[in-house]
Amino acid sequence: MPETPFENVEAAHEYVRLLAEAVRQARAEVVQDLEEAKAVREARREEALRLVAWKLERLEAHLESSRHLLNDLRRMRRLLLGEDARPPSPGGGHEDHDEPWGG
């Protein structure tokens, strides 16, 4: 049992992936709320929701960038430790879609 949720780069990468998914879900909900505010002509609420949507969009972009950086670190760590670049999938092939480099 890890002492922290970020015991290693893989754990941090997974956490950021889950956080990005939660942000995507929140953005979808805000878009729906925004459409409802437009329909009933609640200008102040609509403006607030536009700001929330923009902030969530920026957060999602930063999280995606963080995922890429963590993925690069995972890859470099594996290379430095002499591990296989990508763990084999149950079918025998490699399936780490986040890895930007071939291998």
N, C-alpha and C. Protein backbone atom coordinates (compact mmCIF):
# COMPACT_ATOMS: atom_id res chain seq x y z
N MET A 1 0.85 -1.18 0.00
CA MET A 1 0.00 0.00 0.00
C MET A 1 0.90 1.25 0.00
N PRO A 2 0.79 2.09 -1.03
CA PRO A 2 1.64 3.29 -1.07
C PRO A 2 1.30 4.26 0.05
N GLU A 3 2.32 4.97 0.50
CA GLU A 3 2.12 5.96 1.56
C GLU A 3 1.40 7.20 1.04
N THR A 4 1.62 7.52 -0.22
CA THR A 4 0.97 8.68 -0.83
C THR A 4 0.34 8.23 -2.15
N PRO A 5 -0.62 9.00 -2.68
CA PRO A 5 -1.21 8.61 -3.95
C PRO A 5 -0.22 8.74 -5.11
N PHE A 6 0.93 9.36 -4.88
CA PHE A 6 1.91 9.57 -5.93
C PHE A 6 3.20 8.84 -5.60
N GLU A 7 3.08 7.60 -5.22
CA GLU A 7 4.24 6.78 -4.86
C GLU A 7 5.23 6.67 -6.02
N ASN A 8 4.70 6.73 -7.25
CA ASN A 8 5.57 6.64 -8.42
C ASN A 8 4.94 7.43 -9.56
N VAL A 9 5.67 7.53 -10.65
CA VAL A 9 5.22 8.31 -11.80
C VAL A 9 3.96 7.70 -12.40
N GLU A 10 3.89 6.37 -12.43
CA GLU A 10 2.70 5.70 -12.98
C GLU A 10 1.45 6.07 -12.20
N ALA A 11 1.55 6.11 -10.88
CA ALA A 11 0.40 6.45 -10.05
C ALA A 11 -0.01 7.91 -10.27
N ALA A 12 0.96 8.79 -10.40
CA ALA A 12 0.65 10.20 -10.66
C ALA A 12 -0.01 10.35 -12.03
N HIS A 13 0.49 9.62 -13.01
CA HIS A 13 -0.09 9.66 -14.36
C HIS A 13 -1.54 9.20 -14.32
N GLU A 14 -1.82 8.13 -13.62
CA GLU A 14 -3.19 7.62 -13.52
C GLU A 14 -4.09 8.62 -12.80
N TYR A 15 -3.60 9.24 -11.74
CA TYR A 15 -4.38 10.23 -11.01
C TYR A 15 -4.74 11.41 -11.92
N VAL A 16 -3.78 11.90 -12.66
CA VAL A 16 -4.03 13.03 -13.56
C VAL A 16 -5.01 12.63 -14.65
N ARG A 17 -4.91 11.38 -15.13
CA ARG A 17 -5.85 10.90 -16.14
C ARG A 17 -7.28 10.90 -15.59
N LEU A 18 -7.44 10.41 -14.37
CA LEU A 18 -8.77 10.38 -13.74
C LEU A 18 -9.29 11.80 -13.48
N LEU A 19 -8.41 12.68 -13.06
CA LEU A 19 -8.80 14.06 -12.82
C LEU A 19 -9.24 14.73 -14.12
N ALA A 20 -8.52 14.48 -15.21
CA ALA A 20 -8.90 15.04 -16.51
C ALA A 20 -10.26 14.53 -16.94
N GLU A 21 -10.54 13.27 -16.68
CA GLU A 21 -11.85 12.71 -17.03
C GLU A 21 -12.96 13.39 -16.22
N ALA A 22 -12.71 13.63 -14.95
CA ALA A 22 -13.70 14.32 -14.11
C ALA A 22 -13.95 15.74 -14.62
N VAL A 23 -12.89 16.41 -15.07
CA VAL A 23 -13.03 17.76 -15.61
C VAL A 23 -13.84 17.73 -16.91
N ARG A 24 -13.60 16.72 -17.76
CA ARG A 24 -14.39 16.59 -19.00
C ARG A 24 -15.87 16.41 -18.68
N GLN A 25 -16.17 15.60 -17.68
CA GLN A 25 -17.55 15.38 -17.29
C GLN A 25 -18.17 16.67 -16.75
N ALA A 26 -17.42 17.39 -15.95
CA ALA A 26 -17.91 18.67 -15.41
C ALA A 26 -18.18 19.66 -16.53
N ARG A 27 -17.28 19.70 -17.52
CA ARG A 27 -17.49 20.60 -18.67
C ARG A 27 -18.77 20.26 -19.41
N ALA A 28 -19.04 18.97 -19.58
CA ALA A 28 -20.27 18.55 -20.27
C ALA A 28 -21.50 19.01 -19.49
N GLU A 29 -21.45 18.90 -18.18
CA GLU A 29 -22.57 19.35 -17.35
C GLU A 29 -22.75 20.86 -17.44
N VAL A 30 -21.64 21.58 -17.46
CA VAL A 30 -21.72 23.05 -17.54
C VAL A 30 -22.29 23.47 -18.89
N VAL A 31 -21.92 22.79 -19.94
CA VAL A 31 -22.47 23.11 -21.27
C VAL A 31 -23.98 22.91 -21.26
N GLN A 32 -24.43 21.84 -20.64
CA GLN A 32 -25.87 21.60 -20.54
C GLN A 32 -26.55 22.70 -19.71
N ASP A 33 -25.95 23.06 -18.58
CA ASP A 33 -26.50 24.14 -17.75
C ASP A 33 -26.52 25.45 -18.52
N LEU A 34 -25.50 25.69 -19.31
CA LEU A 34 -25.42 26.90 -20.11
C LEU A 34 -26.56 26.97 -21.12
N GLU A 35 -26.85 25.86 -21.77
CA GLU A 35 -27.96 25.81 -22.71
C GLU A 35 -29.29 26.08 -22.01
N GLU A 36 -29.45 25.55 -20.82
CA GLU A 36 -30.68 25.78 -20.05
C GLU A 36 -30.79 27.26 -19.66
N ALA A 37 -29.69 27.87 -19.26
CA ALA A 37 -29.70 29.29 -18.88
C ALA A 37 -30.03 30.16 -20.09
N LYS A 38 -29.52 29.78 -21.26
CA LYS A 38 -29.85 30.53 -22.48
C LYS A 38 -31.34 30.42 -22.79
N ALA A 39 -31.88 29.22 -22.61
CA ALA A 39 -33.29 28.98 -22.95
C ALA A 39 -34.24 29.81 -22.10
N VAL A 40 -33.88 30.02 -20.84
CA VAL A 40 -34.76 30.80 -19.96
C VAL A 40 -34.28 32.24 -19.80
N ARG A 41 -33.29 32.60 -20.60
CA ARG A 41 -32.77 33.96 -20.66
C ARG A 41 -32.32 34.50 -19.30
N GLU A 42 -31.48 33.70 -18.65
CA GLU A 42 -30.86 34.12 -17.39
C GLU A 42 -29.46 34.63 -17.71
N ALA A 43 -29.38 35.90 -18.08
CA ALA A 43 -28.13 36.48 -18.60
C ALA A 43 -26.99 36.39 -17.59
N ARG A 44 -27.26 36.69 -16.34
CA ARG A 44 -26.19 36.68 -15.33
C ARG A 44 -25.66 35.26 -15.11
N ARG A 45 -26.58 34.30 -15.02
CA ARG A 45 -26.18 32.90 -14.84
C ARG A 45 -25.45 32.39 -16.09
N GLU A 46 -25.92 32.80 -17.26
CA GLU A 46 -25.28 32.41 -18.50
C GLU A 46 -23.84 32.91 -18.55
N GLU A 47 -23.64 34.16 -18.16
CA GLU A 47 -22.28 34.72 -18.16
C GLU A 47 -21.38 33.99 -17.17
N ALA A 48 -21.91 33.68 -16.00
CA ALA A 48 -21.13 32.95 -14.99
C ALA A 48 -20.77 31.55 -15.51
N LEU A 49 -21.71 30.90 -16.17
CA LEU A 49 -21.45 29.57 -16.70
C LEU A 49 -20.44 29.60 -17.84
N ARG A 50 -20.45 30.67 -18.62
CA ARG A 50 -19.44 30.82 -19.68
C ARG A 50 -18.04 30.91 -19.06
N LEU A 51 -17.93 31.64 -17.97
CA LEU A 51 -16.65 31.77 -17.29
C LEU A 51 -16.21 30.41 -16.71
N VAL A 52 -17.15 29.71 -16.10
CA VAL A 52 -16.84 28.38 -15.56
C VAL A 52 -16.39 27.44 -16.68
N ALA A 53 -17.09 27.46 -17.80
CA ALA A 53 -16.74 26.60 -18.93
C ALA A 53 -15.33 26.93 -19.43
N TRP A 54 -14.99 28.21 -19.51
CA TRP A 54 -13.66 28.61 -19.97
C TRP A 54 -12.58 28.15 -19.00
N LYS A 55 -12.85 28.31 -17.69
CA LYS A 55 -11.88 27.88 -16.68
C LYS A 55 -11.68 26.36 -16.74
N LEU A 56 -12.76 25.61 -16.92
CA LEU A 56 -12.65 24.16 -17.02
C LEU A 56 -11.88 23.76 -18.29
N GLU A 57 -12.11 24.49 -19.36
CA GLU A 57 -11.38 24.23 -20.60
C GLU A 57 -9.88 24.43 -20.40
N ARG A 58 -9.51 25.50 -19.72
CA ARG A 58 -8.09 25.76 -19.44
C ARG A 58 -7.51 24.68 -18.53
N LEU A 59 -8.27 24.30 -17.50
CA LEU A 59 -7.81 23.25 -16.59
C LEU A 59 -7.61 21.94 -17.34
N GLU A 60 -8.53 21.61 -18.22
CA GLU A 60 -8.40 20.39 -19.01
C GLU A 60 -7.14 20.43 -19.87
N ALA A 61 -6.85 21.56 -20.47
CA ALA A 61 -5.65 21.70 -21.29
C ALA A 61 -4.38 21.52 -20.45
N HIS A 62 -4.37 22.10 -19.26
CA HIS A 62 -3.21 21.96 -18.38
C HIS A 62 -3.04 20.49 -17.92
N LEU A 63 -4.15 19.83 -17.64
CA LEU A 63 -4.07 18.44 -17.23
C LEU A 63 -3.57 17.56 -18.37
N GLU A 64 -4.02 17.85 -19.58
CA GLU A 64 -3.55 17.07 -20.73
C GLU A 64 -2.04 17.27 -20.91
N SER A 65 -1.59 18.49 -20.76
CA SER A 65 -0.15 18.77 -20.84
C SER A 65 0.60 18.01 -19.73
N SER A 66 0.04 18.00 -18.55
CA SER A 66 0.66 17.28 -17.43
C SER A 66 0.72 15.79 -17.71
N ARG A 67 -0.32 15.24 -18.31
CA ARG A 67 -0.32 13.82 -18.67
C ARG A 67 0.81 13.51 -19.63
N HIS A 68 0.99 14.38 -20.62
CA HIS A 68 2.06 14.15 -21.59
C HIS A 68 3.43 14.21 -20.91
N LEU A 69 3.62 15.18 -20.02
CA LEU A 69 4.89 15.28 -19.31
C LEU A 69 5.14 14.06 -18.43
N LEU A 70 4.11 13.63 -17.71
CA LEU A 70 4.26 12.44 -16.87
C LEU A 70 4.53 11.21 -17.72
N ASN A 71 3.89 11.13 -18.86
CA ASN A 71 4.13 10.00 -19.75
C ASN A 71 5.58 9.98 -20.22
N ASP A 72 6.11 11.16 -20.57
CA ASP A 72 7.51 11.24 -20.96
C ASP A 72 8.42 10.79 -19.83
N LEU A 73 8.09 11.19 -18.61
CA LEU A 73 8.89 10.78 -17.46
C LEU A 73 8.81 9.27 -17.23
N ARG A 74 7.61 8.70 -17.42
CA ARG A 74 7.47 7.25 -17.29
C ARG A 74 8.38 6.54 -18.29
N ARG A 75 8.34 7.03 -19.49
CA ARG A 75 9.13 6.42 -20.57
C ARG A 75 10.64 6.53 -20.27
N MET A 76 11.06 7.71 -19.85
CA MET A 76 12.49 7.91 -19.54
C MET A 76 12.92 7.04 -18.37
N ARG A 77 12.07 6.93 -17.35
CA ARG A 77 12.40 6.08 -16.21
C ARG A 77 12.56 4.63 -16.65
N ARG A 78 11.63 4.17 -17.49
CA ARG A 78 11.74 2.79 -17.99
C ARG A 78 13.02 2.59 -18.79
N LEU A 79 13.36 3.55 -19.62
CA LEU A 79 14.59 3.43 -20.41
C LEU A 79 15.82 3.42 -19.51
N LEU A 80 15.83 4.30 -18.51
CA LEU A 80 16.98 4.37 -17.61
C LEU A 80 17.13 3.11 -16.77
N LEU A 81 16.01 2.50 -16.41
CA LEU A 81 16.06 1.29 -15.59
C LEU A 81 16.20 0.04 -16.45
N GLY A 82 16.23 0.21 -17.77
CA GLY A 82 16.39 -0.94 -18.66
C GLY A 82 15.17 -1.81 -18.76
N GLU A 83 14.01 -1.25 -18.42
CA GLU A 83 12.77 -2.01 -18.51
C GLU A 83 12.24 -1.94 -19.93
N ASP A 84 11.37 -2.87 -20.28
CA ASP A 84 10.68 -2.82 -21.57
C ASP A 84 9.94 -1.50 -21.62
N ALA A 85 9.97 -0.83 -22.77
CA ALA A 85 9.35 0.49 -22.92
C ALA A 85 7.86 0.45 -22.62
N ARG A 86 7.20 -0.61 -23.02
CA ARG A 86 5.76 -0.72 -22.80
C ARG A 86 5.46 -2.11 -22.29
N PRO A 87 4.65 -2.21 -21.24
CA PRO A 87 4.33 -3.54 -20.72
C PRO A 87 3.48 -4.29 -21.75
N PRO A 88 3.68 -5.60 -21.87
CA PRO A 88 2.88 -6.36 -22.83
C PRO A 88 1.42 -6.40 -22.42
N SER A 89 0.54 -6.35 -23.41
CA SER A 89 -0.89 -6.46 -23.14
C SER A 89 -1.24 -7.93 -22.98
N PRO A 90 -2.42 -8.26 -22.46
CA PRO A 90 -2.81 -9.66 -22.30
C PRO A 90 -2.75 -10.44 -23.60
N GLY A 91 -2.95 -9.78 -24.75
CA GLY A 91 -2.89 -10.45 -26.04
C GLY A 91 -1.49 -10.63 -26.57
N GLY A 92 -0.48 -10.13 -25.85
CA GLY A 92 0.90 -10.30 -26.26
C GLY A 92 1.49 -9.09 -26.94
N GLY A 93 0.68 -8.14 -27.37
CA GLY A 93 1.19 -6.94 -28.03
C GLY A 93 1.41 -5.83 -27.02
N HIS A 94 1.80 -4.67 -27.51
CA HIS A 94 1.99 -3.51 -26.64
C HIS A 94 0.81 -2.57 -26.81
N GLU A 95 0.26 -2.11 -25.69
CA GLU A 95 -0.88 -1.19 -25.77
C GLU A 95 -0.76 -0.08 -24.75
N ASP A 96 0.16 0.82 -24.93
CA ASP A 96 0.26 2.00 -24.07
C ASP A 96 0.07 3.19 -24.98
N HIS A 97 -1.19 3.55 -25.20
CA HIS A 97 -1.52 4.57 -26.19
C HIS A 97 -1.00 5.95 -25.82
N ASP A 98 -0.62 6.16 -24.58
CA ASP A 98 -0.11 7.46 -24.18
C ASP A 98 1.36 7.62 -24.55
N GLU A 99 2.04 6.56 -24.85
CA GLU A 99 3.46 6.63 -25.17
C GLU A 99 3.64 7.30 -26.53
N PRO A 100 4.31 8.47 -26.59
CA PRO A 100 4.46 9.16 -27.87
C PRO A 100 5.54 8.58 -28.74
N TRP A 101 6.47 7.82 -28.18
CA TRP A 101 7.60 7.30 -28.92
C TRP A 101 7.33 5.88 -29.34
N GLY A 102 7.83 5.52 -30.48
CA GLY A 102 7.74 4.12 -30.91
C GLY A 102 8.67 3.25 -30.11
N GLY A 103 8.57 1.95 -30.26
CA GLY A 103 9.49 1.13 -29.49
C GLY A 103 9.39 -0.30 -29.82
